[in-house]
Each structure stands twice: as structure tokens, then as C-alpha cells.
Protein backbone atom coordinates (compact mmCIF):
# COMPACT_ATOMS: atom_id res chain seq x y z
CA MET A 1 -73.04 -7.03 225.25
CA LEU A 2 -72.33 -10.69 225.72
CA ASP A 3 -69.41 -12.07 223.57
CA TRP A 4 -70.89 -15.58 222.86
CA SER A 5 -68.38 -18.13 221.49
CA PHE A 6 -69.74 -20.93 219.09
CA PRO A 7 -66.79 -23.39 219.09
CA PRO A 8 -66.83 -26.62 217.01
CA ALA A 9 -67.26 -28.62 220.23
CA LEU A 10 -70.49 -26.88 220.73
CA TRP A 11 -72.04 -28.10 217.45
CA GLU A 12 -70.57 -31.69 218.09
CA ALA A 13 -72.50 -31.63 221.41
CA VAL A 14 -75.67 -30.27 219.90
CA GLY A 15 -75.53 -32.77 217.14
CA LEU A 16 -75.02 -35.60 219.56
CA THR A 17 -77.95 -34.31 221.46
CA LEU A 18 -80.22 -34.16 218.57
CA ARG A 19 -79.24 -37.59 217.48
CA LEU A 20 -79.95 -38.97 220.92
CA ALA A 21 -83.29 -37.19 221.03
CA ALA A 22 -84.21 -38.42 217.62
CA VAL A 23 -83.22 -42.07 218.23
CA SER A 24 -84.99 -42.03 221.61
CA SER A 25 -88.23 -40.62 220.29
CA LEU A 26 -88.34 -43.13 217.36
CA VAL A 27 -87.87 -46.07 219.98
CA LEU A 28 -90.56 -44.47 222.13
CA LEU A 29 -92.84 -44.35 219.16
CA VAL A 30 -92.40 -47.92 218.43
CA ILE A 31 -92.86 -49.30 221.83
CA GLY A 32 -95.13 -46.56 223.25
CA VAL A 33 -97.97 -46.99 220.93
CA PRO A 34 -98.72 -50.73 221.65
CA LEU A 35 -98.10 -50.00 225.34
CA ALA A 36 -100.46 -47.08 225.54
CA GLN A 37 -103.21 -49.09 223.70
CA TRP A 38 -102.68 -52.05 226.13
CA LEU A 39 -102.87 -49.76 229.12
CA ASN A 40 -106.06 -48.34 227.62
CA THR A 41 -107.83 -51.56 227.03
CA SER A 42 -106.32 -54.22 229.21
CA ARG A 43 -108.36 -55.35 232.23
CA MET A 44 -105.60 -57.18 233.98
CA ARG A 45 -105.10 -56.26 237.65
CA GLY A 46 -101.25 -55.57 237.06
CA ALA A 47 -102.02 -52.90 234.42
CA ILE A 48 -102.34 -50.26 237.11
CA LEU A 49 -99.08 -51.21 238.57
CA ILE A 50 -97.40 -51.10 235.05
CA GLU A 51 -99.04 -47.71 234.39
CA THR A 52 -97.68 -46.43 237.62
CA LEU A 53 -94.14 -47.66 236.73
CA VAL A 54 -94.49 -45.86 233.35
CA SER A 55 -95.38 -42.59 235.04
CA LEU A 56 -92.69 -42.96 237.71
CA PRO A 57 -90.08 -40.95 235.88
CA ILE A 58 -92.41 -37.77 236.18
CA VAL A 59 -91.82 -37.50 239.84
CA LEU A 60 -88.64 -39.52 240.55
CA PRO A 61 -85.40 -37.61 240.60
CA PRO A 62 -83.26 -38.16 237.29
CA THR A 63 -80.15 -38.95 239.40
CA VAL A 64 -82.09 -41.91 241.11
CA ILE A 65 -83.14 -43.44 237.67
CA GLY A 66 -79.62 -42.86 236.42
CA PHE A 67 -77.98 -44.42 239.56
CA TYR A 68 -80.07 -47.46 239.31
CA LEU A 69 -79.70 -47.89 235.57
CA LEU A 70 -75.94 -47.58 235.95
CA LEU A 71 -75.98 -50.42 238.50
CA LEU A 72 -78.37 -52.60 236.18
CA MET A 73 -75.94 -51.95 233.31
CA SER A 74 -72.88 -52.70 235.02
CA PRO A 75 -70.73 -55.62 233.67
CA GLN A 76 -71.08 -57.21 237.23
CA GLN A 77 -74.81 -57.52 236.61
CA PRO A 78 -76.50 -60.11 234.51
CA LEU A 79 -77.88 -57.66 231.95
CA GLY A 80 -74.62 -55.71 231.72
CA ALA A 81 -72.67 -58.99 231.49
CA ALA A 82 -74.83 -60.31 228.89
CA TRP A 83 -74.51 -57.14 226.73
CA VAL A 84 -70.68 -57.19 227.09
CA SER A 85 -70.54 -60.99 225.93
CA VAL A 86 -72.59 -60.10 222.80
CA PHE A 87 -71.32 -56.66 221.82
CA GLY A 88 -67.84 -56.69 223.55
CA GLN A 89 -68.45 -53.21 225.33
CA PRO A 90 -70.21 -52.05 228.47
CA LEU A 91 -73.39 -50.18 228.20
CA PRO A 92 -72.50 -47.34 230.59
CA PHE A 93 -70.66 -44.47 229.19
CA SER A 94 -71.74 -45.43 225.69
CA PHE A 95 -74.35 -43.85 223.25
CA THR A 96 -76.35 -47.11 223.35
CA GLY A 97 -76.65 -46.77 227.21
CA LEU A 98 -77.74 -43.11 226.94
CA VAL A 99 -80.56 -44.20 224.44
CA ILE A 100 -81.75 -46.81 227.09
CA GLY A 101 -81.67 -44.29 229.74
CA SER A 102 -83.49 -41.57 227.71
CA VAL A 103 -86.19 -43.98 226.64
CA ILE A 104 -87.03 -44.90 230.20
CA TYR A 105 -86.85 -41.40 231.54
CA SER A 106 -88.96 -39.98 228.83
CA LEU A 107 -91.34 -42.86 228.67
CA PRO A 108 -94.44 -41.18 230.28
CA PHE A 109 -93.94 -38.20 228.11
CA ALA A 110 -94.79 -40.26 225.04
CA VAL A 111 -97.05 -42.89 226.47
CA GLN A 112 -99.52 -40.44 228.27
CA PRO A 113 -100.10 -38.28 225.23
CA PHE A 114 -100.66 -41.56 223.10
CA GLN A 115 -103.20 -42.75 225.66
CA GLN A 116 -105.11 -39.48 225.64
CA ALA A 117 -105.06 -39.60 221.86
CA PHE A 118 -106.46 -43.04 221.61
CA ARG A 119 -109.14 -42.17 224.40
CA SER A 120 -110.23 -39.21 222.39
CA ILE A 121 -111.60 -41.44 219.56
CA LYS A 122 -115.32 -41.95 219.75
CA PRO A 123 -116.22 -45.51 220.71
CA SER A 124 -118.91 -45.50 218.12
CA MET A 125 -116.53 -45.10 215.41
CA VAL A 126 -114.58 -48.21 216.67
CA GLU A 127 -117.74 -50.07 217.18
CA SER A 128 -118.99 -49.37 213.70
CA ALA A 129 -115.77 -50.63 212.26
CA LEU A 130 -115.94 -53.86 214.19
CA ALA A 131 -119.62 -54.21 213.02
CA LEU A 132 -118.55 -53.89 209.36
CA GLY A 133 -116.27 -56.85 209.89
CA LEU A 134 -112.82 -55.49 210.60
CA THR A 135 -110.65 -57.08 213.19
CA PRO A 136 -109.54 -55.30 216.25
CA ARG A 137 -106.07 -54.92 214.73
CA GLN A 138 -107.48 -53.65 211.34
CA THR A 139 -109.59 -51.23 213.29
CA PHE A 140 -106.70 -49.90 215.31
CA TRP A 141 -104.39 -49.40 212.37
CA SER A 142 -106.97 -48.07 209.80
CA ILE A 143 -109.25 -45.97 212.24
CA VAL A 144 -107.56 -45.36 215.63
CA MET A 145 -104.08 -44.48 214.40
CA PRO A 146 -104.98 -42.03 211.68
CA LEU A 147 -107.49 -40.17 213.91
CA SER A 148 -104.80 -40.01 216.65
CA LYS A 149 -102.09 -38.57 214.51
CA HIS A 150 -101.88 -35.21 216.33
CA GLY A 151 -101.71 -36.90 219.60
CA LEU A 152 -99.00 -39.13 218.41
CA LEU A 153 -97.01 -36.15 217.04
CA THR A 154 -97.43 -34.31 220.41
CA GLY A 155 -96.11 -37.31 222.18
CA VAL A 156 -93.11 -37.63 220.02
CA SER A 157 -92.44 -34.02 220.22
CA LEU A 158 -92.67 -33.96 224.04
CA SER A 159 -90.36 -36.86 224.38
CA PHE A 160 -87.88 -35.32 221.93
CA ALA A 161 -87.92 -32.11 223.85
CA HIS A 162 -87.69 -33.81 227.21
CA THR A 163 -84.58 -35.79 225.96
CA MET A 164 -83.02 -32.50 224.72
CA GLY A 165 -83.10 -31.19 228.32
CA GLU A 166 -81.89 -34.25 230.02
CA PHE A 167 -79.19 -33.80 232.68
CA GLY A 168 -79.15 -36.15 235.71
CA VAL A 169 -79.65 -39.54 233.74
CA VAL A 170 -77.23 -38.88 231.06
CA LEU A 171 -74.56 -37.43 233.55
CA MET A 172 -75.02 -40.71 235.58
CA LEU A 173 -75.07 -43.03 232.60
CA GLY A 174 -72.63 -41.27 230.21
CA GLY A 175 -70.38 -38.78 232.04
CA SER A 176 -69.01 -36.27 229.63
CA ILE A 177 -67.10 -38.08 226.87
CA PRO A 178 -66.63 -35.76 223.78
CA GLY A 179 -68.39 -37.08 220.79
CA GLN A 180 -69.91 -40.01 222.56
CA THR A 181 -71.86 -38.96 225.68
CA ARG A 182 -71.20 -35.27 226.09
CA VAL A 183 -74.65 -33.85 225.24
CA ALA A 184 -75.32 -30.07 225.20
CA SER A 185 -76.79 -30.04 228.76
CA ILE A 186 -73.58 -31.66 230.07
CA ALA A 187 -71.24 -29.39 227.98
CA LEU A 188 -73.10 -26.34 229.24
CA TYR A 189 -72.60 -27.32 232.77
CA ASP A 190 -68.97 -28.21 232.09
CA GLU A 191 -68.46 -24.59 230.67
CA ALA A 192 -70.39 -22.99 233.64
CA GLN A 193 -68.11 -24.92 236.09
CA LYS A 194 -64.98 -23.58 234.40
CA LEU A 195 -66.54 -19.96 234.48
CA ASN A 196 -66.37 -19.91 230.75
CA TYR A 197 -69.44 -18.01 230.62
CA PRO A 198 -69.47 -16.83 226.89
CA THR A 199 -69.32 -20.41 225.75
CA ALA A 200 -71.91 -21.47 228.25
CA HIS A 201 -74.26 -18.56 227.11
CA ALA A 202 -73.92 -20.10 223.54
CA TYR A 203 -74.86 -23.52 224.57
CA ALA A 204 -77.73 -22.13 226.53
CA ILE A 205 -79.10 -19.96 223.59
CA VAL A 206 -78.86 -22.79 221.11
CA LEU A 207 -80.90 -25.12 223.57
CA LEU A 208 -83.23 -22.35 224.34
CA ALA A 209 -83.99 -21.75 220.61
CA ILE A 210 -84.48 -25.45 219.60
CA SER A 211 -86.79 -25.94 222.81
CA PHE A 212 -88.86 -23.04 221.90
CA ALA A 213 -89.27 -24.17 218.34
CA ILE A 214 -90.35 -27.61 219.54
CA LEU A 215 -92.81 -25.92 222.09
CA VAL A 216 -94.25 -23.81 219.37
CA GLY A 217 -94.88 -27.04 217.12
CA ILE A 218 -96.48 -28.99 220.14
CA ALA A 219 -98.87 -26.07 220.79
CA PHE A 220 -99.67 -26.04 217.09
CA LEU A 221 -100.34 -29.65 217.08
CA GLN A 222 -102.55 -29.50 220.35
CA ARG A 223 -104.46 -26.71 218.93
CA ARG A 224 -105.11 -28.78 215.61
CA GLN A 225 -106.24 -31.64 217.79
CA ARG A 226 -108.68 -29.54 219.82
CA VAL A 227 -110.10 -28.23 216.71
CA GLY A 228 -110.44 -31.69 215.23
CA LEU A 229 -112.41 -32.80 218.32
CA LEU A 230 -114.74 -29.99 218.14
CA THR A 231 -115.66 -30.67 214.44
């Protein structure tokens, strides 16, 4: 029988992971909804390129994303230097840096379900709303958004779960600073490297339980969405 150990550092790392996932998912909801709608409706030639860039994290190794973000956020680069001049501290190895990296890495896991949810709305419903005198913006917020709620929740849940399991990006951008950047996946790796398997098992089982609960919720939302489309 495994003698799992649940030290205070475990809950600190899990709490930081949950906070990172929650903040990243909220940011993804705010920027992902208008981006998904624009990608669905835009006729610009560059829209295909932007959609490809949004989807790139699905196939690009996380360490590649983390490496280039680390360079971009460096105080030696314009973006990093501007951040330091305004806030007085560098972006790498900070919680804010982790949020930026997580948002970029999980962007397709939010935007693609949002796009699918918007596409599932019958065009006749949108056309009817416009014919009744609603503006495109009013139609989007009063018709499209309410009917897309299950798809939106699925996208938020997927991005939350994806952030929970991040490793390469957060390792490159944040390292393993307790209480600041040492999320649960990094802590699990550290404990395994030290051959401290009881504590590593504890991290793994907590992450497994949270991930399982999120996936059950996503499956429930997707089933509700399918039922809604059939009715």
C-alpha cells in the first residue's frame, strides 16, 4: 500500500495551479469570444493565417512556445523592457508571465469550441433577428451568446483543464519558485526527480481527481449541447 504524503507545499502548489487556470480561463473567455466570432465571420485574407496561428499550440511543442515567450519577455527585448519600466519587475519567473504563457498555449482549446458553438446556431435565427431590426451586435449578445452557452462553458472548461496540466511552458517561463511559479505539475516533477515517490503520488492523485472531475463536467456539457441541437 502506498504511503502518500500530503504536505502543505502540495496544497500551495495545487492552489497556485487552480488560480493560474482560473485567471487564464477568464482571460481566454474575454478575448476568445470576440476572436472566435471574428474568425467565423471575417472575409479578410489574413483571417486564415490568424486562425492557423491560433491553432499552432496544438501541434507545437510546449518548450518551443515557452522558449520564444521567454525571449520575448526578456528585459533585453522591447516588450520585456517596457514591462519592467512600467511595473518595475520582469515578466519571466512571475505569475503574470505564467498567465500570458498559459493564455497563448491554451488559446485554441478555448477559441475552437467557441467557434463551433457559434457555427451551430441556425442562420435563420440570426437572419430573423436582423429582419426584426436588431443590429448585428444586439443579435450576437441577445441571440448567439445565450444559445452558445454550453459550447462556451465547454471551451472554458477545456482551457482550464489544459492549463492544469501544463508543464513545458510553465517550466520555461516560471521555473520552480515556491508560492510564485511552482505549479503542481512542476512540483510533481521535482518530487519524482528527488525519488520522493510518496509525495509525487500525492500530487499525481490530486491532479488526476481534479482532471477527472473537469472531464466529467465537459462530457455533461457536450451531451447537453447535442441534445439541444436535436430538439
